[in-house]
Structure formats: structure tokens, C-alpha cells
Amino acid sequence: MLDYHYYQSNGSCKEPIILLHGLGGNYGIFNKQIAAYKKDFHVLAINLPGHGKSPDTSSYQSPFSFNLVVNEILTTMNKLNIEKAHIVGISLGSVVLHHMLQRAPERVKSAVLGGCITRFTPFSLFLLHTGSMMKGFVPHMWLYKLFAHIMMPKSNHTGSRRIFIREAAKMKRSNFLAWYKLAHDVRTTYKNVQKNSVDVAKLYITGQEDHLFVKPLLKDTKNDENAEHLVIENCGHVCNVEKPRNFNNASIEFIQKNCSSVIPISAAK
């Protein structure tokens, strides 16, 4: 069972929001979203396998995969009697959410995908393969710090970069490498999203300075009739940390628009 915290709201909307964090992080990266969301929504903040107090990636009988991760999320939802939820993913969390939209779109009320990755550019593939060759003889935190600085190179990315490096230091090497191996399958997680989730509204929030991923994302999702896009200026990969007000305002308005019941737009204030 995944490690989670369930915030129950006294607000006017009882529809839950599920939060999925990025690689090396934990649900703590959503602190500013949780504070805003829980005013009107129930909020389920999940630690993905290998993060926080969730099971290690090696603890499962089946090989570690995106299918396994989605099954763990569904198991947690079932335990809490959550039939359907609005789901917010950041970075790796958005990749997992894409796979969930392929596997179990009926469980997703709406999807907010921040810092989303649909595929790797030739340069990012080069980095990925270089890391694969080096991972056997260098500390995993060395790789993580290197990629963090390449992904988030500017001075205004410093805060989010520091947070992710700090939190990743708590992660076991074996868990990091298991997720790193899955990174090669990122493209498969988006392959059938548009076909399988035609009834699910999606909001893609990305930083204009998310230089490794923003162009492929906008190109790959431009024909999705159920997708909206927000590109935040002067913002990098971890947009919910760098620009929380922009992220919260846009995501809350979008989720409220896709709620079964209409509630006042107050949570973003």
C-alpha cells in the first residue's frame, strides 16, 4: 500500500484531488497546492513507490513498471472508496498520469499535468543514455544533481532545484535506479492517451523555460481536442514550485469547471 495523506475538506465540493509528485520528490512538493486545494476539495497526496514511506520498488513480486505504479494508485483509491478523482501530476507524476489515462481513464475526472514529458529530444536521450552508462560506478545523487542542473539551469530555477535535490537525497539508490530505468519507456505512456481518454479534460501547465520538454509537449498535444495549455513565462520545469500562484489559479479554475457541482472560485486566493 502506498504512503499517503488524505486531507478532508469542509468546503462545498466533495470531489477529491489526487497529487502525484516527480522523481526524487514526495507529496511535500505540493505544500502550496494542498493549502489552496483543501479549502474546497478533499486532497489525496500520494508518495509513489520508492519515495517517502511507500514500498521500495524491489518489494513487489511483479517487475517494476508503469502498470504496477498505476495499479498501486488504483488500490489506494479503492481503499478510500474514491471511484473517480481530479488528478494533478508534476514531471514524473504527469508521466504516471498519462499512463493512467491509457489504462484507467474512467477513474480520472480531469487531469492537470505540470512539467509534463511526452518524449525525449535527441539531446535529452543522449543524457539519458549517458547516465545509463555511468550509473553503475557513480553515486546516484551525482547523476540526479547533474540532471537537475541541466533541466533547471537558470537562477530563477534555484529554489525548485534545491528542493528536489534535498528530497532526492532521502531516496535509496536502488529506488532511484529502478525509476531511472523506467524513464526509457516515457514515450509509451503517451502513445494512446488521446485515443483512450477522449472524455477526460486535460490541462497542461508548463514553464516557458522548460527547455528539454516544452516543444515536444506542445507539438504532441496540439491535436488533442480535450486539452488546454498554459505556458508560464519566466518559469522552468517544476512550475508548481516556481510559480505556485499561476499554477494554483489555473488548476483550481480548471478543476472547478470540470466538477459535477459548481463551487465558488475562492481557493486560489
C-alpha atoms as a PDB file:
ATOM      1  CA  MET A   1       0.000   0.000   0.000  1.00  0.00           C
ATOM      2  CA  LEU A   2       1.298   3.434  -0.923  1.00  0.00           C
ATOM      3  CA  ASP A   3       2.112   6.032   1.709  1.00  0.00           C
ATOM      4  CA  TYR A   4      -0.425   8.866   1.578  1.00  0.00           C
ATOM      5  CA  HIS A   5      -2.079  11.697   3.465  1.00  0.00           C
ATOM      6  CA  TYR A   6      -5.782  12.372   2.962  1.00  0.00           C
ATOM      7  CA  TYR A   7      -6.948  15.903   3.683  1.00  0.00           C
ATOM      8  CA  GLN A   8     -10.715  16.039   4.098  1.00  0.00           C
ATOM      9  CA  SER A   9     -12.305  19.378   3.334  1.00  0.00           C
ATOM     10  CA  ASN A  10     -15.315  21.111   4.804  1.00  0.00           C
ATOM     11  CA  GLY A  11     -15.689  23.016   1.559  1.00  0.00           C
ATOM     12  CA  SER A  12     -18.654  22.943  -0.776  1.00  0.00           C
ATOM     13  CA  CYS A  13     -17.180  20.405  -3.221  1.00  0.00           C
ATOM     14  CA  LYS A  14     -16.590  16.845  -2.105  1.00  0.00           C
ATOM     15  CA  GLU A  15     -14.786  15.727  -5.254  1.00  0.00           C
ATOM     16  CA  PRO A  16     -11.221  14.606  -4.446  1.00  0.00           C
ATOM     17  CA  ILE A  17      -7.972  15.761  -5.990  1.00  0.00           C
ATOM     18  CA  ILE A  18      -5.067  13.283  -6.140  1.00  0.00           C
ATOM     19  CA  LEU A  19      -1.489  14.591  -6.254  1.00  0.00           C
ATOM     20  CA  LEU A  20       1.383  12.736  -7.982  1.00  0.00           C
ATOM     21  CA  HIS A  21       4.911  14.095  -7.439  1.00  0.00           C
ATOM     22  CA  GLY A  22       8.108  13.932  -9.510  1.00  0.00           C
ATOM     23  CA  LEU A  23      11.182  11.692  -9.353  1.00  0.00           C
ATOM     24  CA  GLY A  24      13.064  12.043  -6.083  1.00  0.00           C
ATOM     25  CA  GLY A  25      10.363  14.223  -4.568  1.00  0.00           C
ATOM     26  CA  ASN A  26       7.411  13.418  -2.349  1.00  0.00           C
ATOM     27  CA  TYR A  27       3.987  14.856  -1.758  1.00  0.00           C
ATOM     28  CA  GLY A  28       5.621  17.665   0.231  1.00  0.00           C
ATOM     29  CA  ILE A  29       6.402  19.449  -3.048  1.00  0.00           C
ATOM     30  CA  PHE A  30       2.672  20.184  -3.243  1.00  0.00           C
ATOM     31  CA  ASN A  31       2.535  22.139   0.025  1.00  0.00           C
ATOM     32  CA  LYS A  32       1.308  25.317  -1.655  1.00  0.00           C
ATOM     33  CA  GLN A  33      -1.223  23.401  -3.738  1.00  0.00           C
ATOM     34  CA  ILE A  34      -2.538  21.453  -0.740  1.00  0.00           C
ATOM     35  CA  ALA A  35      -3.098  24.685   1.192  1.00  0.00           C
ATOM     36  CA  ALA A  36      -5.176  26.064  -1.687  1.00  0.00           C
ATOM     37  CA  TYR A  37      -6.975  22.908  -2.801  1.00  0.00           C
ATOM     38  CA  LYS A  38      -8.154  21.712   0.617  1.00  0.00           C
ATOM     39  CA  LYS A  39     -10.291  24.827   1.087  1.00  0.00           C
ATOM     40  CA  ASP A  40     -12.872  23.332  -1.257  1.00  0.00           C
ATOM     41  CA  PHE A  41     -11.731  19.804  -2.153  1.00  0.00           C
ATOM     42  CA  HIS A  42     -10.694  16.606  -0.457  1.00  0.00           C
ATOM     43  CA  VAL A  43      -6.987  16.108  -1.281  1.00  0.00           C
ATOM     44  CA  LEU A  44      -5.178  12.769  -1.501  1.00  0.00           C
ATOM     45  CA  ALA A  45      -1.406  13.293  -1.556  1.00  0.00           C
ATOM     46  CA  ILE A  46       0.433  10.112  -2.545  1.00  0.00           C
ATOM     47  CA  ASN A  47       4.070   9.071  -2.305  1.00  0.00           C
ATOM     48  CA  LEU A  48       4.909   6.946  -5.338  1.00  0.00           C
ATOM     49  CA  PRO A  49       6.769   3.621  -4.874  1.00  0.00           C
ATOM     50  CA  GLY A  50      10.328   4.124  -3.679  1.00  0.00           C
ATOM     51  CA  HIS A  51       9.525   7.547  -2.210  1.00  0.00           C
ATOM     52  CA  GLY A  52       8.739   8.540   1.365  1.00  0.00           C
ATOM     53  CA  LYS A  53       7.312   5.639   3.342  1.00  0.00           C
ATOM     54  CA  SER A  54       5.878   3.874   0.300  1.00  0.00           C
ATOM     55  CA  PRO A  55       7.179   0.363  -0.504  1.00  0.00           C
ATOM     56  CA  ASP A  56      10.554   0.019  -2.194  1.00  0.00           C
ATOM     57  CA  THR A  57      10.453  -0.638  -5.917  1.00  0.00           C
ATOM     58  CA  SER A  58      12.047  -4.053  -5.270  1.00  0.00           C
ATOM     59  CA  SER A  59       9.381  -5.133  -2.769  1.00  0.00           C
ATOM     60  CA  TYR A  60       6.854  -6.178  -5.412  1.00  0.00           C
ATOM     61  CA  GLN A  61       6.517  -9.692  -6.810  1.00  0.00           C
ATOM     62  CA  SER A  62       5.936  -8.331 -10.316  1.00  0.00           C
ATOM     63  CA  PRO A  63       8.623  -6.454 -12.265  1.00  0.00           C
ATOM     64  CA  PHE A  64       8.559  -2.731 -11.549  1.00  0.00           C
ATOM     65  CA  SER A  65       6.680  -0.928 -14.319  1.00  0.00           C
ATOM     66  CA  PHE A  66       4.270   1.902 -15.038  1.00  0.00           C
ATOM     67  CA  ASN A  67       1.456  -0.671 -14.983  1.00  0.00           C
ATOM     68  CA  LEU A  68       2.424  -1.633 -11.449  1.00  0.00           C
ATOM     69  CA  VAL A  69       2.521   2.014 -10.340  1.00  0.00           C
ATOM     70  CA  VAL A  70      -0.929   2.718 -11.768  1.00  0.00           C
ATOM     71  CA  ASN A  71      -2.267  -0.427 -10.076  1.00  0.00           C
ATOM     72  CA  GLU A  72      -0.895   0.837  -6.741  1.00  0.00           C
ATOM     73  CA  ILE A  73      -2.658   4.173  -7.206  1.00  0.00           C
ATOM     74  CA  LEU A  74      -5.921   2.413  -8.064  1.00  0.00           C
ATOM     75  CA  THR A  75      -5.561   0.185  -4.994  1.00  0.00           C
ATOM     76  CA  THR A  76      -5.161   3.270  -2.813  1.00  0.00           C
ATOM     77  CA  MET A  77      -8.205   4.886  -4.424  1.00  0.00           C
ATOM     78  CA  ASN A  78     -10.240   1.724  -3.847  1.00  0.00           C
ATOM     79  CA  LYS A  79      -9.212   1.597  -0.193  1.00  0.00           C
ATOM     80  CA  LEU A  80     -10.516   5.132   0.297  1.00  0.00           C
ATOM     81  CA  ASN A  81     -13.663   4.477  -1.773  1.00  0.00           C
ATOM     82  CA  ILE A  82     -12.628   7.017  -4.397  1.00  0.00           C
ATOM     83  CA  GLU A  83     -14.316   5.971  -7.618  1.00  0.00           C
ATOM     84  CA  LYS A  84     -13.121   8.932  -9.656  1.00  0.00           C
ATOM     85  CA  ALA A  85     -10.848  11.910  -8.995  1.00  0.00           C
ATOM     86  CA  HIS A  86      -9.275  15.006 -10.451  1.00  0.00           C
ATOM     87  CA  ILE A  87      -5.573  14.154 -10.704  1.00  0.00           C
ATOM     88  CA  VAL A  88      -2.644  16.571 -10.665  1.00  0.00           C
ATOM     89  CA  GLY A  89       0.791  15.325 -11.726  1.00  0.00           C
ATOM     90  CA  ILE A  90       4.171  17.058 -11.841  1.00  0.00           C
ATOM     91  CA  SER A  91       7.069  15.856 -14.023  1.00  0.00           C
ATOM     92  CA  LEU A  92       7.278  12.085 -13.398  1.00  0.00           C
ATOM     93  CA  GLY A  93       3.826  12.336 -11.818  1.00  0.00           C
ATOM     94  CA  SER A  94       2.438  13.615 -15.120  1.00  0.00           C
ATOM     95  CA  VAL A  95       4.047  10.662 -16.922  1.00  0.00           C
ATOM     96  CA  VAL A  96       2.333   8.279 -14.494  1.00  0.00           C
ATOM     97  CA  LEU A  97      -0.917  10.194 -15.019  1.00  0.00           C
ATOM     98  CA  HIS A  98      -0.601   9.795 -18.790  1.00  0.00           C
ATOM     99  CA  HIS A  99      -0.271   6.046 -18.330  1.00  0.00           C
ATOM    100  CA  MET A 100      -3.309   6.083 -16.056  1.00  0.00           C
ATOM    101  CA  LEU A 101      -5.239   7.873 -18.819  1.00  0.00           C
ATOM    102  CA  GLN A 102      -4.330   4.956 -21.104  1.00  0.00           C
ATOM    103  CA  ARG A 103      -5.068   2.226 -18.568  1.00  0.00           C
ATOM    104  CA  ALA A 104      -7.966   3.515 -16.468  1.00  0.00           C
ATOM    105  CA  PRO A 105      -9.402   6.736 -17.930  1.00  0.00           C
ATOM    106  CA  GLU A 106     -12.746   6.002 -16.266  1.00  0.00           C
ATOM    107  CA  ARG A 107     -11.137   6.749 -12.888  1.00  0.00           C
ATOM    108  CA  VAL A 108      -9.976  10.241 -13.926  1.00  0.00           C
ATOM    109  CA  LYS A 109     -12.440  13.120 -13.676  1.00  0.00           C
ATOM    110  CA  SER A 110      -9.963  15.644 -15.085  1.00  0.00           C
ATOM    111  CA  ALA A 111      -6.188  15.816 -15.438  1.00  0.00           C
ATOM    112  CA  VAL A 112      -3.748  18.622 -14.663  1.00  0.00           C
ATOM    113  CA  LEU A 113      -0.271  17.828 -15.996  1.00  0.00           C
ATOM    114  CA  GLY A 114       2.563  20.116 -14.903  1.00  0.00           C
ATOM    115  CA  GLY A 115       6.080  19.945 -16.323  1.00  0.00           C
ATOM    116  CA  CYS A 116       4.802  17.132 -18.494  1.00  0.00           C
ATOM    117  CA  ILE A 117       7.068  14.874 -20.535  1.00  0.00           C
ATOM    118  CA  THR A 118       5.687  13.160 -23.637  1.00  0.00           C
ATOM    119  CA  ARG A 119       9.036  12.139 -25.151  1.00  0.00           C
ATOM    120  CA  PHE A 120      12.720  12.930 -25.078  1.00  0.00           C
ATOM    121  CA  THR A 121      14.536  15.114 -27.588  1.00  0.00           C
ATOM    122  CA  PRO A 122      17.782  13.777 -29.124  1.00  0.00           C
ATOM    123  CA  PHE A 123      19.751  15.797 -26.558  1.00  0.00           C
ATOM    124  CA  SER A 124      17.755  14.514 -23.583  1.00  0.00           C
ATOM    125  CA  LEU A 125      18.021  10.961 -24.957  1.00  0.00           C
ATOM    126  CA  PHE A 126      21.784  11.429 -25.126  1.00  0.00           C
ATOM    127  CA  LEU A 127      21.765  12.495 -21.471  1.00  0.00           C
ATOM    128  CA  LEU A 128      19.597   9.523 -20.533  1.00  0.00           C
ATOM    129  CA  HIS A 129      21.872   7.017 -22.273  1.00  0.00           C
ATOM    130  CA  THR A 130      24.994   8.675 -20.861  1.00  0.00           C
ATOM    131  CA  GLY A 131      23.520   8.348 -17.390  1.00  0.00           C
ATOM    132  CA  SER A 132      22.744   4.682 -18.046  1.00  0.00           C
ATOM    133  CA  MET A 133      26.399   4.035 -18.865  1.00  0.00           C
ATOM    134  CA  MET A 134      27.598   5.896 -15.777  1.00  0.00           C
ATOM    135  CA  LYS A 135      25.058   4.716 -13.189  1.00  0.00           C
ATOM    136  CA  GLY A 136      27.000   1.562 -12.309  1.00  0.00           C
ATOM    137  CA  PHE A 137      30.029   3.379 -10.961  1.00  0.00           C
ATOM    138  CA  VAL A 138      28.943   6.881  -9.859  1.00  0.00           C
ATOM    139  CA  PRO A 139      26.748   7.861  -6.887  1.00  0.00           C
ATOM    140  CA  HIS A 140      23.121   8.207  -7.932  1.00  0.00           C
ATOM    141  CA  MET A 141      22.951  11.663  -6.324  1.00  0.00           C
ATOM    142  CA  TRP A 142      25.741  12.791  -8.637  1.00  0.00           C
ATOM    143  CA  LEU A 143      23.542  11.866 -11.595  1.00  0.00           C
ATOM    144  CA  TYR A 144      20.493  13.474 -10.030  1.00  0.00           C
ATOM    145  CA  LYS A 145      22.321  16.751  -9.330  1.00  0.00           C
ATOM    146  CA  LEU A 146      23.753  16.806 -12.848  1.00  0.00           C
ATOM    147  CA  PHE A 147      20.358  16.308 -14.480  1.00  0.00           C
ATOM    148  CA  ALA A 148      18.708  18.785 -12.098  1.00  0.00           C
ATOM    149  CA  HIS A 149      21.156  21.493 -13.171  1.00  0.00           C
ATOM    150  CA  ILE A 150      20.722  20.652 -16.864  1.00  0.00           C
ATOM    151  CA  MET A 151      16.910  20.600 -16.609  1.00  0.00           C
ATOM    152  CA  MET A 152      16.702  23.692 -14.385  1.00  0.00           C
ATOM    153  CA  PRO A 153      19.767  25.791 -15.276  1.00  0.00           C
ATOM    154  CA  LYS A 154      18.632  29.365 -14.619  1.00  0.00           C
ATOM    155  CA  SER A 155      18.906  31.406 -11.441  1.00  0.00           C
ATOM    156  CA  ASN A 156      15.113  31.581 -11.066  1.00  0.00           C
ATOM    157  CA  HIS A 157      15.069  27.755 -11.042  1.00  0.00           C
ATOM    158  CA  THR A 158      17.345  27.633  -7.994  1.00  0.00           C
ATOM    159  CA  GLY A 159      14.606  27.171  -5.390  1.00  0.00           C
ATOM    160  CA  SER A 160      12.897  24.243  -7.108  1.00  0.00           C
ATOM    161  CA  ARG A 161      16.261  22.689  -7.979  1.00  0.00           C
ATOM    162  CA  ARG A 162      17.373  22.815  -4.347  1.00  0.00           C
ATOM    163  CA  ILE A 163      14.110  21.324  -3.103  1.00  0.00           C
ATOM    164  CA  PHE A 164      14.326  18.371  -5.467  1.00  0.00           C
ATOM    165  CA  ILE A 165      17.991  17.695  -4.725  1.00  0.00           C
ATOM    166  CA  ARG A 166      17.300  17.888  -0.988  1.00  0.00           C
ATOM    167  CA  GLU A 167      14.370  15.488  -1.168  1.00  0.00           C
ATOM    168  CA  ALA A 168      16.126  13.117  -3.587  1.00  0.00           C
ATOM    169  CA  ALA A 169      18.936  12.681  -1.058  1.00  0.00           C
ATOM    170  CA  LYS A 170      16.430  10.758   1.077  1.00  0.00           C
ATOM    171  CA  MET A 171      15.830   8.239  -1.722  1.00  0.00           C
ATOM    172  CA  LYS A 172      17.568   4.867  -1.814  1.00  0.00           C
ATOM    173  CA  ARG A 173      19.923   4.269  -4.724  1.00  0.00           C
ATOM    174  CA  SER A 174      18.031   1.112  -5.760  1.00  0.00           C
ATOM    175  CA  ASN A 175      14.739   3.015  -5.937  1.00  0.00           C
ATOM    176  CA  PHE A 176      16.261   5.843  -7.958  1.00  0.00           C
ATOM    177  CA  LEU A 177      17.786   3.415 -10.463  1.00  0.00           C
ATOM    178  CA  ALA A 178      14.509   1.495 -10.828  1.00  0.00           C
ATOM    179  CA  TRP A 179      12.694   4.689 -11.788  1.00  0.00           C
ATOM    180  CA  TYR A 180      15.611   5.777 -13.982  1.00  0.00           C
ATOM    181  CA  LYS A 181      15.262   2.553 -15.948  1.00  0.00           C
ATOM    182  CA  LEU A 182      11.554   3.280 -16.484  1.00  0.00           C
ATOM    183  CA  ALA A 183      12.417   6.658 -17.988  1.00  0.00           C
ATOM    184  CA  HIS A 184      13.263   4.879 -21.238  1.00  0.00           C
ATOM    185  CA  ASP A 185       9.562   3.958 -21.527  1.00  0.00           C
ATOM    186  CA  VAL A 186       8.240   7.529 -21.263  1.00  0.00           C
ATOM    187  CA  ARG A 187       7.110   7.676 -24.887  1.00  0.00           C
ATOM    188  CA  THR A 188       4.919   4.582 -24.463  1.00  0.00           C
ATOM    189  CA  THR A 189       2.973   6.288 -21.662  1.00  0.00           C
ATOM    190  CA  TYR A 190       1.569   8.857 -24.084  1.00  0.00           C
ATOM    191  CA  LYS A 191       1.092   6.617 -27.128  1.00  0.00           C
ATOM    192  CA  ASN A 192      -2.665   6.008 -26.678  1.00  0.00           C
ATOM    193  CA  VAL A 193      -3.660   8.841 -24.353  1.00  0.00           C
ATOM    194  CA  GLN A 194      -5.702  10.795 -26.891  1.00  0.00           C
ATOM    195  CA  LYS A 195      -7.494   7.679 -28.140  1.00  0.00           C
ATOM    196  CA  ASN A 196      -8.235   6.151 -24.741  1.00  0.00           C
ATOM    197  CA  SER A 197      -9.169   9.281 -22.795  1.00  0.00           C
ATOM    198  CA  VAL A 198     -11.403  11.138 -25.227  1.00  0.00           C
ATOM    199  CA  ASP A 199     -13.816  12.086 -22.433  1.00  0.00           C
ATOM    200  CA  VAL A 200     -11.206  13.384 -19.989  1.00  0.00           C
ATOM    201  CA  ALA A 201     -10.437  17.104 -19.920  1.00  0.00           C
ATOM    202  CA  LYS A 202      -6.720  17.876 -19.629  1.00  0.00           C
ATOM    203  CA  LEU A 203      -4.812  21.000 -18.657  1.00  0.00           C
ATOM    204  CA  TYR A 204      -1.104  21.104 -19.493  1.00  0.00           C
ATOM    205  CA  ILE A 205       0.820  23.660 -17.441  1.00  0.00           C
ATOM    206  CA  THR A 206       4.431  24.122 -18.432  1.00  0.00           C
ATOM    207  CA  GLY A 207       7.191  26.657 -17.969  1.00  0.00           C
ATOM    208  CA  GLN A 208       8.382  28.610 -20.973  1.00  0.00           C
ATOM    209  CA  GLU A 209      11.930  27.790 -19.820  1.00  0.00           C
ATOM    210  CA  ASP A 210      11.322  24.024 -19.554  1.00  0.00           C
ATOM    211  CA  HIS A 211      13.769  23.774 -22.432  1.00  0.00           C
ATOM    212  CA  LEU A 212      14.071  19.975 -22.659  1.00  0.00           C
ATOM    213  CA  PHE A 213      10.362  19.191 -22.823  1.00  0.00           C
ATOM    214  CA  VAL A 214       8.121  22.146 -23.720  1.00  0.00           C
ATOM    215  CA  LYS A 215       8.418  21.962 -27.530  1.00  0.00           C
ATOM    216  CA  PRO A 216       7.728  18.200 -27.829  1.00  0.00           C
ATOM    217  CA  LEU A 217       4.851  18.566 -25.360  1.00  0.00           C
ATOM    218  CA  LEU A 218       3.106  21.328 -27.300  1.00  0.00           C
ATOM    219  CA  LYS A 219       3.642  19.515 -30.601  1.00  0.00           C
ATOM    220  CA  ASP A 220       2.398  16.140 -29.335  1.00  0.00           C
ATOM    221  CA  THR A 221      -0.720  17.502 -27.606  1.00  0.00           C
ATOM    222  CA  LYS A 222      -1.806  20.191 -30.076  1.00  0.00           C
ATOM    223  CA  ASN A 223      -4.392  17.929 -31.759  1.00  0.00           C
ATOM    224  CA  ASP A 224      -5.993  16.772 -28.506  1.00  0.00           C
ATOM    225  CA  GLU A 225      -9.417  18.419 -28.598  1.00  0.00           C
ATOM    226  CA  ASN A 226      -9.815  17.877 -24.851  1.00  0.00           C
ATOM    227  CA  ALA A 227      -6.531  19.569 -23.933  1.00  0.00           C
ATOM    228  CA  GLU A 228      -5.872  23.118 -22.783  1.00  0.00           C
ATOM    229  CA  HIS A 229      -2.418  24.650 -22.422  1.00  0.00           C
ATOM    230  CA  LEU A 230      -0.861  27.233 -20.145  1.00  0.00           C
ATOM    231  CA  VAL A 231       2.755  28.231 -20.757  1.00  0.00           C
ATOM    232  CA  ILE A 232       4.072  30.295 -17.838  1.00  0.00           C
ATOM    233  CA  GLU A 233       6.702  32.916 -18.629  1.00  0.00           C
ATOM    234  CA  ASN A 234       9.987  33.037 -16.703  1.00  0.00           C
ATOM    235  CA  CYS A 235       9.341  29.546 -15.361  1.00  0.00           C
ATOM    236  CA  GLY A 236      11.182  26.256 -15.664  1.00  0.00           C
ATOM    237  CA  HIS A 237      10.328  22.582 -15.254  1.00  0.00           C
ATOM    238  CA  VAL A 238       8.842  22.477 -11.739  1.00  0.00           C
ATOM    239  CA  CYS A 239       6.129  25.040 -12.395  1.00  0.00           C
ATOM    240  CA  ASN A 240       4.053  24.351  -9.270  1.00  0.00           C
ATOM    241  CA  VAL A 241       7.043  25.290  -7.083  1.00  0.00           C
ATOM    242  CA  GLU A 242       8.395  28.194  -9.152  1.00  0.00           C
ATOM    243  CA  LYS A 243       5.051  29.838  -9.910  1.00  0.00           C
ATOM    244  CA  PRO A 244       2.564  28.486  -7.345  1.00  0.00           C
ATOM    245  CA  ARG A 245       0.063  31.341  -7.716  1.00  0.00           C
ATOM    246  CA  ASN A 246      -0.174  30.885 -11.501  1.00  0.00           C
ATOM    247  CA  PHE A 247      -0.353  27.124 -11.109  1.00  0.00           C
ATOM    248  CA  ASN A 248      -2.980  27.223  -8.363  1.00  0.00           C
ATOM    249  CA  ASN A 249      -5.209  29.780 -10.065  1.00  0.00           C
ATOM    250  CA  ALA A 250      -5.202  27.905 -13.379  1.00  0.00           C
ATOM    251  CA  SER A 251      -5.595  24.408 -11.935  1.00  0.00           C
ATOM    252  CA  ILE A 252      -8.363  25.347  -9.485  1.00  0.00           C
ATOM    253  CA  GLU A 253     -10.358  27.164 -12.142  1.00  0.00           C
ATOM    254  CA  PHE A 254      -9.945  24.188 -14.491  1.00  0.00           C
ATOM    255  CA  ILE A 255     -10.923  21.605 -11.868  1.00  0.00           C
ATOM    256  CA  GLN A 256     -13.945  23.621 -10.780  1.00  0.00           C
ATOM    257  CA  LYS A 257     -15.024  23.865 -14.406  1.00  0.00           C
ATOM    258  CA  ASN A 258     -14.938  20.064 -14.589  1.00  0.00           C
ATOM    259  CA  CYS A 259     -16.676  19.407 -11.274  1.00  0.00           C
ATOM    260  CA  SER A 260     -20.106  17.828 -11.141  1.00  0.00           C
ATOM    261  CA  SER A 261     -21.203  20.698  -8.906  1.00  0.00           C
ATOM    262  CA  VAL A 262     -20.345  24.363  -9.254  1.00  0.00           C
ATOM    263  CA  ILE A 263     -18.431  25.933  -6.380  1.00  0.00           C
ATOM    264  CA  PRO A 264     -17.164  29.486  -5.881  1.00  0.00           C
ATOM    265  CA  ILE A 265     -13.683  30.274  -7.151  1.00  0.00           C
ATOM    266  CA  SER A 266     -12.095  31.158  -3.826  1.00  0.00           C
ATOM    267  CA  ALA A 267      -9.449  28.528  -3.124  1.00  0.00           C
ATOM    268  CA  ALA A 268      -6.728  30.173  -5.180  1.00  0.00           C
ATOM    269  CA  LYS A 269      -6.712  33.346  -3.099  1.00  0.00           C
END
